[in-house]
């Protein structure tokens, strides 16, 4: 996730690859502030996450697969 002012972008890349392989997977509708805050506040990628965040991440994965298949 990159945040610049009010603009938020989401990126994804295949595990084990560098940032140069990443794709912009920003959805047309951004998640609410609670989900954004949860993303920012999580200490590690493997930390427990809410159901809402899990659903949002699934949506980002679907966008990524559409861009790479």
N, C-alpha and C. Protein backbone atom coordinates (compact mmCIF):
# COMPACT_ATOMS: atom_id res chain seq x y z
N UNK A 1 0.85 -1.16 0.00
CA UNK A 1 0.00 0.00 0.00
C UNK A 1 0.90 1.23 0.00
N UNK A 2 0.55 2.19 -0.83
CA UNK A 2 1.22 3.48 -0.83
C UNK A 2 0.17 4.55 -0.60
N UNK A 3 0.49 5.46 0.28
CA UNK A 3 -0.44 6.55 0.56
C UNK A 3 0.29 7.87 0.35
N UNK A 4 -0.30 8.69 -0.50
CA UNK A 4 0.26 10.01 -0.78
C UNK A 4 -0.86 11.02 -0.66
N UNK A 5 -0.90 11.72 0.46
CA UNK A 5 -2.02 12.63 0.72
C UNK A 5 -3.29 11.83 0.87
N UNK A 6 -4.30 12.16 0.07
CA UNK A 6 -5.58 11.44 0.11
C UNK A 6 -5.62 10.27 -0.86
N UNK A 7 -4.55 10.07 -1.64
CA UNK A 7 -4.51 9.00 -2.63
C UNK A 7 -3.88 7.75 -2.04
N UNK A 8 -4.58 6.65 -2.18
CA UNK A 8 -4.08 5.35 -1.71
C UNK A 8 -4.04 4.40 -2.89
N UNK A 9 -2.92 3.71 -3.06
CA UNK A 9 -2.75 2.72 -4.13
C UNK A 9 -2.32 1.41 -3.47
N UNK A 10 -2.78 0.31 -4.05
CA UNK A 10 -2.41 -1.02 -3.58
C UNK A 10 -1.64 -1.74 -4.68
N UNK A 11 -0.58 -2.43 -4.29
CA UNK A 11 0.27 -3.15 -5.24
C UNK A 11 0.46 -4.58 -4.77
N UNK A 12 0.71 -5.45 -5.74
CA UNK A 12 0.98 -6.86 -5.43
C UNK A 12 2.02 -7.39 -6.39
N UNK A 13 2.79 -8.35 -5.92
CA UNK A 13 3.71 -9.07 -6.79
C UNK A 13 3.79 -10.52 -6.31
N UNK A 14 4.28 -11.37 -7.19
CA UNK A 14 4.40 -12.79 -6.82
C UNK A 14 5.44 -12.95 -5.72
N UNK A 15 5.17 -13.86 -4.81
CA UNK A 15 6.09 -14.11 -3.71
C UNK A 15 7.46 -14.49 -4.27
N UNK A 16 8.48 -13.90 -3.70
CA UNK A 16 9.84 -14.21 -4.12
C UNK A 16 10.34 -13.36 -5.27
N UNK A 17 9.53 -12.42 -5.75
CA UNK A 17 9.96 -11.54 -6.83
C UNK A 17 10.12 -10.12 -6.29
N UNK A 18 10.82 -9.30 -7.03
CA UNK A 18 11.10 -7.94 -6.58
C UNK A 18 9.98 -6.96 -6.88
N UNK A 19 10.18 -5.74 -6.40
CA UNK A 19 9.20 -4.68 -6.63
C UNK A 19 9.03 -4.36 -8.10
N UNK A 20 10.02 -4.67 -8.90
CA UNK A 20 9.92 -4.36 -10.33
C UNK A 20 8.88 -5.21 -11.04
N UNK A 21 8.39 -6.26 -10.39
CA UNK A 21 7.36 -7.12 -10.98
C UNK A 21 5.96 -6.81 -10.45
N UNK A 22 5.86 -5.80 -9.61
CA UNK A 22 4.57 -5.54 -8.96
C UNK A 22 3.56 -4.94 -9.94
N UNK A 23 2.30 -5.17 -9.60
CA UNK A 23 1.17 -4.66 -10.40
C UNK A 23 0.29 -3.80 -9.50
N UNK A 24 -0.30 -2.78 -10.08
CA UNK A 24 -1.24 -1.94 -9.37
C UNK A 24 -2.57 -2.68 -9.29
N UNK A 25 -3.00 -3.03 -8.10
CA UNK A 25 -4.25 -3.78 -7.90
C UNK A 25 -5.28 -2.94 -7.13
N UNK A 26 -5.15 -1.63 -7.20
CA UNK A 26 -6.06 -0.74 -6.50
C UNK A 26 -7.49 -0.95 -7.02
N UNK A 27 -8.41 -1.30 -6.13
CA UNK A 27 -9.80 -1.50 -6.57
C UNK A 27 -10.48 -0.17 -6.87
N UNK A 28 -11.56 -0.22 -7.61
CA UNK A 28 -12.29 1.00 -7.93
C UNK A 28 -12.93 1.61 -6.69
N UNK A 29 -13.31 0.78 -5.73
CA UNK A 29 -13.87 1.25 -4.46
C UNK A 29 -12.89 0.89 -3.34
N UNK A 30 -12.37 1.91 -2.69
CA UNK A 30 -11.41 1.67 -1.61
C UNK A 30 -12.12 1.19 -0.35
N UNK A 31 -11.41 0.44 0.49
CA UNK A 31 -12.02 -0.01 1.74
C UNK A 31 -12.23 1.16 2.69
N UNK A 32 -13.02 0.95 3.72
CA UNK A 32 -13.28 2.02 4.68
C UNK A 32 -12.04 2.27 5.55
N UNK A 33 -12.08 3.33 6.31
CA UNK A 33 -10.93 3.75 7.13
C UNK A 33 -10.54 2.69 8.15
N UNK A 34 -11.47 1.92 8.64
CA UNK A 34 -11.17 0.87 9.62
C UNK A 34 -10.22 -0.16 9.01
N UNK A 35 -10.47 -0.56 7.78
CA UNK A 35 -9.61 -1.53 7.09
C UNK A 35 -8.24 -0.91 6.81
N UNK A 36 -8.21 0.33 6.35
CA UNK A 36 -6.94 1.01 6.09
C UNK A 36 -6.12 1.09 7.38
N UNK A 37 -6.75 1.47 8.47
CA UNK A 37 -6.05 1.55 9.76
C UNK A 37 -5.53 0.18 10.19
N UNK A 38 -6.31 -0.87 9.95
CA UNK A 38 -5.86 -2.21 10.31
C UNK A 38 -4.62 -2.60 9.50
N UNK A 39 -4.60 -2.27 8.23
CA UNK A 39 -3.43 -2.57 7.39
C UNK A 39 -2.21 -1.85 7.93
N UNK A 40 -2.35 -0.58 8.23
CA UNK A 40 -1.22 0.23 8.71
C UNK A 40 -0.74 -0.25 10.08
N UNK A 41 -1.66 -0.63 10.95
CA UNK A 41 -1.32 -0.98 12.33
C UNK A 41 -0.84 -2.42 12.54
N UNK A 42 -0.99 -3.29 11.53
CA UNK A 42 -0.58 -4.69 11.71
C UNK A 42 0.94 -4.77 11.84
N UNK A 43 1.45 -5.44 12.88
CA UNK A 43 2.90 -5.50 13.08
C UNK A 43 3.63 -6.37 12.05
N UNK A 44 3.00 -7.43 11.58
CA UNK A 44 3.63 -8.30 10.58
C UNK A 44 2.57 -8.80 9.62
N UNK A 45 3.02 -9.28 8.46
CA UNK A 45 2.09 -9.76 7.45
C UNK A 45 1.32 -11.00 7.93
N UNK A 46 1.91 -11.76 8.87
CA UNK A 46 1.25 -12.98 9.34
C UNK A 46 0.41 -12.75 10.60
N UNK A 47 0.29 -11.50 11.03
CA UNK A 47 -0.54 -11.19 12.20
C UNK A 47 -2.00 -11.51 11.91
N UNK A 48 -2.72 -11.77 12.98
CA UNK A 48 -4.16 -12.05 12.85
C UNK A 48 -4.85 -10.86 12.18
N UNK A 49 -5.86 -11.17 11.35
CA UNK A 49 -6.57 -10.09 10.66
C UNK A 49 -8.07 -10.32 10.77
N UNK A 50 -8.80 -9.23 10.60
CA UNK A 50 -10.25 -9.29 10.68
C UNK A 50 -10.82 -9.97 9.43
N UNK A 51 -12.05 -10.39 9.52
CA UNK A 51 -12.74 -10.99 8.37
C UNK A 51 -12.85 -9.98 7.23
N UNK A 52 -13.12 -8.74 7.57
CA UNK A 52 -13.24 -7.70 6.55
C UNK A 52 -11.94 -7.50 5.78
N UNK A 53 -10.82 -7.52 6.50
CA UNK A 53 -9.52 -7.38 5.83
C UNK A 53 -9.24 -8.60 4.97
N UNK A 54 -9.59 -9.77 5.46
CA UNK A 54 -9.39 -11.00 4.69
C UNK A 54 -10.16 -10.96 3.37
N UNK A 55 -11.40 -10.49 3.41
CA UNK A 55 -12.22 -10.36 2.21
C UNK A 55 -11.59 -9.35 1.24
N UNK A 56 -11.12 -8.22 1.77
CA UNK A 56 -10.48 -7.20 0.94
C UNK A 56 -9.23 -7.76 0.27
N UNK A 57 -8.42 -8.49 1.00
CA UNK A 57 -7.21 -9.09 0.43
C UNK A 57 -7.54 -10.12 -0.64
N UNK A 58 -8.61 -10.87 -0.45
CA UNK A 58 -9.06 -11.81 -1.47
C UNK A 58 -9.42 -11.07 -2.76
N UNK A 59 -10.08 -9.92 -2.61
CA UNK A 59 -10.44 -9.11 -3.78
C UNK A 59 -9.19 -8.61 -4.50
N UNK A 60 -8.18 -8.17 -3.75
CA UNK A 60 -6.93 -7.73 -4.37
C UNK A 60 -6.24 -8.88 -5.10
N UNK A 61 -6.30 -10.06 -4.52
CA UNK A 61 -5.69 -11.23 -5.17
C UNK A 61 -6.40 -11.54 -6.49
N UNK A 62 -7.71 -11.42 -6.52
CA UNK A 62 -8.46 -11.66 -7.76
C UNK A 62 -8.04 -10.66 -8.84
N UNK A 63 -7.88 -9.39 -8.45
CA UNK A 63 -7.44 -8.37 -9.41
C UNK A 63 -6.05 -8.72 -9.93
N UNK A 64 -5.16 -9.13 -9.04
CA UNK A 64 -3.79 -9.49 -9.44
C UNK A 64 -3.81 -10.65 -10.43
N UNK A 65 -4.61 -11.66 -10.14
CA UNK A 65 -4.68 -12.82 -11.04
C UNK A 65 -5.21 -12.43 -12.41
N UNK A 66 -6.18 -11.53 -12.45
CA UNK A 66 -6.70 -11.07 -13.75
C UNK A 66 -5.62 -10.34 -14.55
N UNK A 67 -4.75 -9.61 -13.86
CA UNK A 67 -3.69 -8.86 -14.54
C UNK A 67 -2.53 -9.73 -14.98
N UNK A 68 -2.35 -10.88 -14.35
CA UNK A 68 -1.17 -11.70 -14.65
C UNK A 68 -1.48 -12.97 -15.42
N UNK A 69 -2.73 -13.34 -15.55
CA UNK A 69 -3.07 -14.57 -16.28
C UNK A 69 -3.23 -14.31 -17.76
